[in-house]
Amino acid sequence: MKNRLKVLIIGGDNRYLEVIDKLAANEIRVFLAGFEQLSFENSFISHREIIEVDFSKIDAILLPVAGTDSEGNIETTYTDKQLKLPKQRLHETPEHCVIYTGIANDYLENAAKTANRKLIRLFTRDDIAIYNSIPTAEATLKLAIEETDVTIHGSNIIIIGFGRIGITLARVFAALGANVTVAARKSAHFARINEMGINSIATEKIDKVISGMDICINTVPHLIIDTNIIDNMEASSLIIDLASKPGGTDFDYAEKKGVKTIHALGLPGKTAPRTAGEIIGGVLLELLEDSMQRT
């Protein structure tokens, strides 16, 4: 069944090299657009210009983790050419064709809806998010060590958000002896934080404790670290914002107040691309097999 599958991968970064290898190793036909600077020996992998692709034979399309921009342009690493999602050609794909992306914006969602094709946002899945939280936490720890002049052990660290990434961050920093406080909203989260032996505080009360924090790590994708919180921070504090664009920090105001901020996006792909690619490839392979069983 696998060797009947045909997947078109349009653009992507070094994480996708692992994805490509994993799919091809499972005898899935992989057509690559935007990778002409690389060569592959596996006979299941071939390069294509988008104009050359027979979309009527494509079972799935994989876009980069970032999907597209608001104009449909696609992020590339291994080509000098500008790629754009062939919006109209999606209509040529079989009805069972699925579009996979890391995240999606209005442009991509509209393109999939207009073509009546299923769109799967891989990074909203619990399995990928939890797996990715491990390299994210490790990379965040690396930043915290490099960008401060004190040990993590004994530091006062506040983590904003207790989702899939926040939980792993809390465990990692607490295990190194940091005095961790987690800002959350849900009663169930407070119960779990307490069970872990970690301090907690309601998100709306962060300004009451922020002055004593050496490091503030945000995982919430909307404005949390506002002017009020920044006004109460020490200038020596460090903000590491992991939330997707535009982040959860008033970066301009923090710069004005002299508080160092790092908007750390895409950490798994930057610090552990092989692991990040294996995670994406493994989940994608399961989804592809499942979709073919349904057709």
Protein backbone atom coordinates (compact mmCIF):
# COMPACT_ATOMS: atom_id res chain seq x y z
CA MET A 1 0.00 0.00 0.00
CA LYS A 2 2.83 2.41 0.86
CA ASN A 3 4.38 2.31 -2.60
CA ARG A 4 1.14 3.69 -4.04
CA LEU A 5 1.46 6.83 -1.95
CA LYS A 6 2.75 9.95 -3.64
CA VAL A 7 3.68 12.93 -1.49
CA LEU A 8 4.66 16.38 -2.72
CA ILE A 9 6.89 18.35 -0.34
CA ILE A 10 7.07 22.05 -1.15
CA GLY A 11 9.85 23.89 0.68
CA GLY A 12 10.98 23.36 4.24
CA ASP A 13 14.10 23.55 6.39
CA ASN A 14 16.67 21.03 7.66
CA ARG A 15 14.04 19.23 9.72
CA TYR A 16 12.47 18.03 6.50
CA LEU A 17 15.56 16.10 5.49
CA GLU A 18 14.66 13.54 8.15
CA VAL A 19 11.04 13.56 7.00
CA ILE A 20 12.07 12.93 3.40
CA ASP A 21 14.35 10.04 4.37
CA LYS A 22 11.70 8.48 6.59
CA LEU A 23 8.99 8.57 3.94
CA ALA A 24 11.27 7.24 1.22
CA ALA A 25 12.54 4.47 3.50
CA ASN A 26 8.92 3.35 3.75
CA GLU A 27 8.64 3.23 -0.05
CA ILE A 28 6.53 6.35 -0.37
CA ARG A 29 7.10 8.29 -3.58
CA VAL A 30 8.39 11.71 -2.57
CA PHE A 31 8.42 14.62 -5.02
CA LEU A 32 10.46 17.61 -3.89
CA ALA A 33 9.95 21.23 -4.91
CA GLY A 34 12.52 23.64 -3.53
CA PHE A 35 15.35 21.21 -2.73
CA GLU A 36 17.42 21.35 -5.93
CA GLN A 37 20.57 22.28 -4.01
CA LEU A 38 20.55 18.76 -2.53
CA SER A 39 20.90 15.34 -4.09
CA PHE A 40 19.32 12.10 -2.93
CA GLU A 41 20.28 8.56 -3.89
CA ASN A 42 17.00 6.90 -2.91
CA SER A 43 14.99 6.04 -6.04
CA PHE A 44 11.76 6.98 -4.26
CA ILE A 45 12.88 10.63 -4.10
CA SER A 46 12.81 12.93 -7.11
CA HIS A 47 12.99 16.66 -7.78
CA ARG A 48 10.21 18.53 -9.53
CA GLU A 49 9.42 22.05 -10.58
CA ILE A 50 5.90 22.81 -9.37
CA ILE A 51 4.80 23.39 -12.94
CA GLU A 52 5.93 19.82 -13.77
CA VAL A 53 3.95 18.12 -11.00
CA ASP A 54 0.96 16.01 -11.97
CA PHE A 55 -1.30 17.08 -9.11
CA SER A 56 -3.94 14.54 -10.12
CA LYS A 57 -1.61 11.80 -8.82
CA ILE A 58 -0.66 13.46 -5.52
CA ASP A 59 -2.06 11.88 -2.35
CA ALA A 60 -0.68 14.43 0.10
CA ILE A 61 1.10 17.79 0.13
CA LEU A 62 3.50 18.73 2.91
CA LEU A 63 4.23 22.41 3.46
CA PRO A 64 6.89 23.88 5.78
CA VAL A 65 6.30 24.16 9.50
CA ALA A 66 5.41 27.84 9.05
CA GLY A 67 2.96 27.03 6.24
CA THR A 68 2.79 30.08 3.97
CA ASP A 69 2.92 33.81 4.52
CA SER A 70 -0.12 36.01 3.97
CA GLU A 71 0.61 36.12 0.23
CA GLY A 72 1.06 32.37 -0.16
CA ASN A 73 4.86 32.46 -0.32
CA ILE A 74 6.62 29.38 1.03
CA GLU A 75 9.71 29.26 3.22
CA THR A 76 12.67 27.56 1.54
CA THR A 77 16.20 26.64 2.60
CA TYR A 78 17.62 24.63 -0.28
CA THR A 79 16.73 26.76 -3.28
CA ASP A 80 17.24 30.33 -4.43
CA LYS A 81 13.86 30.34 -6.15
CA GLN A 82 10.76 31.90 -4.68
CA LEU A 83 8.03 29.30 -4.20
CA LYS A 84 4.35 30.02 -3.84
CA LEU A 85 1.50 27.71 -3.00
CA PRO A 86 -0.16 26.82 -6.32
CA LYS A 87 -3.60 27.70 -5.03
CA GLN A 88 -5.53 26.90 -8.21
CA ARG A 89 -3.73 23.62 -8.80
CA LEU A 90 -5.02 22.23 -5.51
CA HIS A 91 -8.28 21.68 -7.37
CA GLU A 92 -6.47 19.17 -9.61
CA THR A 93 -5.60 16.89 -6.70
CA PRO A 94 -7.69 13.78 -5.90
CA GLU A 95 -10.51 14.36 -3.44
CA HIS A 96 -8.66 12.33 -0.81
CA CYS A 97 -5.54 14.52 -1.02
CA VAL A 98 -4.60 16.01 2.34
CA ILE A 99 -2.55 19.17 2.91
CA TYR A 100 -0.21 18.98 5.89
CA THR A 101 1.42 22.00 7.50
CA GLY A 102 2.89 22.95 10.84
CA ILE A 103 0.65 25.94 11.39
CA ALA A 104 -1.83 27.72 9.13
CA ASN A 105 -2.91 31.28 8.43
CA ASP A 106 -5.99 32.70 6.69
CA TYR A 107 -4.42 32.39 3.24
CA LEU A 108 -3.69 28.68 3.62
CA GLU A 109 -6.99 27.89 5.28
CA ASN A 110 -8.85 29.68 2.50
CA ALA A 111 -6.86 27.84 -0.18
CA ALA A 112 -7.71 24.46 1.33
CA LYS A 113 -11.36 25.38 1.86
CA THR A 114 -11.78 26.68 -1.68
CA ALA A 115 -10.31 23.46 -3.09
CA ASN A 116 -12.36 21.40 -0.61
CA ARG A 117 -9.25 19.61 0.63
CA LYS A 118 -8.56 18.58 4.20
CA LEU A 119 -5.94 20.68 5.99
CA ILE A 120 -4.08 19.19 8.95
CA ARG A 121 -2.08 21.46 11.25
CA LEU A 122 0.56 19.13 12.63
CA PHE A 123 1.70 21.43 15.41
CA THR A 124 -1.74 21.56 17.01
CA ARG A 125 -1.55 17.82 17.67
CA ASP A 126 -0.79 16.75 21.22
CA ASP A 127 1.73 14.10 20.19
CA ILE A 128 3.94 16.44 18.15
CA ALA A 129 3.61 19.28 20.66
CA ILE A 130 4.60 17.04 23.57
CA TYR A 131 7.52 15.47 21.71
CA ASN A 132 8.67 18.92 20.57
CA SER A 133 8.49 20.27 24.10
CA ILE A 134 11.63 18.28 24.94
CA PRO A 135 14.04 19.94 22.47
CA THR A 136 12.26 23.24 23.13
CA ALA A 137 12.96 22.97 26.85
CA GLU A 138 16.57 21.96 26.27
CA ALA A 139 17.12 24.89 23.90
CA THR A 140 15.44 27.28 26.34
CA LEU A 141 17.75 26.05 29.09
CA LYS A 142 20.74 26.66 26.81
CA LEU A 143 19.58 30.24 26.19
CA ALA A 144 19.01 30.83 29.89
CA ILE A 145 22.54 29.64 30.71
CA GLU A 146 24.18 31.66 27.93
CA GLU A 147 22.27 34.89 28.47
CA THR A 148 22.57 35.22 32.26
CA ASP A 149 25.52 35.55 34.63
CA VAL A 150 24.09 33.36 37.39
CA THR A 151 23.53 29.62 37.73
CA ILE A 152 20.15 28.14 36.97
CA HIS A 153 20.36 26.41 40.33
CA GLY A 154 18.93 28.85 42.84
CA SER A 155 17.59 31.26 40.21
CA ASN A 156 14.05 32.54 40.46
CA ILE A 157 12.23 31.62 37.27
CA ILE A 158 8.63 32.24 36.29
CA ILE A 159 7.06 30.22 33.49
CA ILE A 160 3.91 31.70 32.02
CA GLY A 161 1.51 29.05 30.77
CA PHE A 162 1.12 25.42 31.77
CA GLY A 163 0.40 23.82 28.43
CA ARG A 164 2.40 21.08 26.75
CA ILE A 165 5.58 23.15 26.61
CA GLY A 166 5.09 24.82 29.98
CA ILE A 167 4.85 21.49 31.78
CA THR A 168 8.15 20.24 30.35
CA LEU A 169 9.86 23.57 31.04
CA ALA A 170 8.74 23.48 34.66
CA ARG A 171 10.11 19.97 35.15
CA VAL A 172 13.46 20.73 33.48
CA PHE A 173 14.21 23.93 35.38
CA ALA A 174 12.96 22.57 38.71
CA ALA A 175 15.16 19.48 38.26
CA LEU A 176 18.20 21.77 38.02
CA GLY A 177 17.39 23.41 41.34
CA ALA A 178 15.73 26.60 40.11
CA ASN A 179 13.01 28.19 42.20
CA VAL A 180 10.23 27.79 39.65
CA THR A 181 6.88 29.55 39.72
CA VAL A 182 4.26 28.76 37.08
CA ALA A 183 1.59 31.28 36.12
CA ALA A 184 -1.66 29.59 35.14
CA ARG A 185 -5.41 30.12 35.02
CA LYS A 186 -7.17 26.76 35.36
CA SER A 187 -7.86 25.09 38.69
CA ALA A 188 -6.74 21.74 37.25
CA HIS A 189 -3.41 23.29 36.33
CA PHE A 190 -2.91 24.63 39.85
CA ALA A 191 -3.58 21.15 41.22
CA ARG A 192 -1.00 19.57 38.90
CA ILE A 193 1.58 22.28 39.62
CA ASN A 194 1.11 21.69 43.34
CA GLU A 195 1.45 17.92 42.83
CA MET A 196 4.79 18.57 41.11
CA GLY A 197 6.01 20.51 44.14
CA ILE A 198 6.29 23.76 42.19
CA ASN A 199 5.03 27.21 43.13
CA SER A 200 2.06 28.65 41.26
CA ILE A 201 0.38 31.98 40.79
CA ALA A 202 -2.65 33.24 38.90
CA THR A 203 -1.67 34.82 35.60
CA GLU A 204 -3.38 38.10 36.47
CA LYS A 205 -1.13 38.42 39.54
CA ILE A 206 2.24 38.07 37.80
CA ASP A 207 3.02 41.74 38.46
CA LYS A 208 3.01 41.00 42.20
CA VAL A 209 6.00 38.62 41.99
CA ILE A 210 7.83 39.60 38.81
CA SER A 211 10.27 41.94 40.60
CA GLY A 212 11.91 38.94 42.25
CA MET A 213 12.35 36.90 39.05
CA ASP A 214 15.68 36.46 37.30
CA ILE A 215 14.18 34.84 34.22
CA CYS A 216 10.69 35.08 32.75
CA ILE A 217 9.71 32.43 30.17
CA ASN A 218 6.49 32.96 28.24
CA THR A 219 4.60 30.28 26.31
CA VAL A 220 1.27 32.07 25.86
CA PRO A 221 0.60 33.37 22.30
CA HIS A 222 -1.01 36.66 23.23
CA LEU A 223 0.14 39.75 25.09
CA ILE A 224 0.91 38.82 28.69
CA ILE A 225 4.16 40.62 29.51
CA ASP A 226 2.77 44.12 29.13
CA THR A 227 3.95 47.54 30.25
CA ASN A 228 2.71 46.99 33.81
CA ILE A 229 4.69 43.76 34.24
CA ILE A 230 7.79 45.18 32.57
CA ASP A 231 7.65 48.25 34.83
CA ASN A 232 7.89 45.92 37.82
CA MET A 233 10.85 43.91 36.46
CA GLU A 234 14.47 44.41 37.36
CA ALA A 235 16.59 45.65 34.46
CA SER A 236 18.82 42.61 34.96
CA SER A 237 15.95 40.23 34.28
CA LEU A 238 15.77 38.13 31.12
CA ILE A 239 12.61 37.47 29.11
CA ILE A 240 12.55 34.40 26.86
CA ASP A 241 9.38 34.42 24.78
CA LEU A 242 8.57 31.09 23.10
CA ALA A 243 5.14 32.08 21.79
CA SER A 244 4.51 32.22 18.04
CA LYS A 245 4.48 35.62 16.32
CA PRO A 246 3.82 38.26 17.47
CA GLY A 247 4.67 36.72 20.85
CA GLY A 248 3.35 37.56 24.28
CA THR A 249 5.71 40.40 25.15
CA ASP A 250 5.70 44.14 24.51
CA PHE A 251 9.20 43.94 23.01
CA ASP A 252 9.45 47.63 22.18
CA TYR A 253 8.63 48.68 25.72
CA ALA A 254 11.00 46.11 27.20
CA GLU A 255 13.81 47.48 25.03
CA LYS A 256 12.95 51.01 26.11
CA LYS A 257 13.16 49.94 29.77
CA GLY A 258 16.45 48.10 29.21
CA VAL A 259 15.08 44.61 29.88
CA LYS A 260 16.71 41.99 27.66
CA THR A 261 14.26 39.94 25.61
CA ILE A 262 14.68 36.99 23.26
CA HIS A 263 11.86 35.95 20.96
CA ALA A 264 12.98 32.34 20.58
CA LEU A 265 11.01 30.87 17.68
CA GLY A 266 11.43 27.42 16.13
CA LEU A 267 13.89 26.17 18.71
CA PRO A 268 13.58 22.44 17.90
CA GLY A 269 14.46 23.06 14.27
CA LYS A 270 17.41 25.26 15.20
CA THR A 271 18.99 23.21 17.97
CA ALA A 272 17.85 19.64 17.32
CA PRO A 273 16.73 19.43 13.67
CA ARG A 274 17.32 15.69 13.42
CA THR A 275 15.11 14.93 16.42
CA ALA A 276 12.51 17.49 15.32
CA GLY A 277 12.43 15.95 11.84
CA GLU A 278 12.08 12.44 13.22
CA ILE A 279 9.11 13.61 15.29
CA ILE A 280 7.35 15.17 12.30
CA GLY A 281 8.20 12.25 10.01
CA GLY A 282 6.97 9.60 12.43
CA VAL A 283 3.61 11.26 13.00
CA LEU A 284 3.20 12.12 9.31
CA LEU A 285 3.84 8.51 8.31
CA GLU A 286 1.11 7.31 10.67
CA LEU A 287 -1.32 9.88 9.30
CA LEU A 288 -0.55 8.99 5.68
CA GLU A 289 -1.07 5.29 6.30
CA ASP A 290 -4.31 5.97 8.11
CA SER A 291 -5.61 8.22 5.32
CA MET A 292 -4.86 5.60 2.67
CA GLN A 293 -6.68 2.93 4.63
CA ARG A 294 -9.74 5.15 4.55
CA THR A 295 -9.68 5.63 0.77
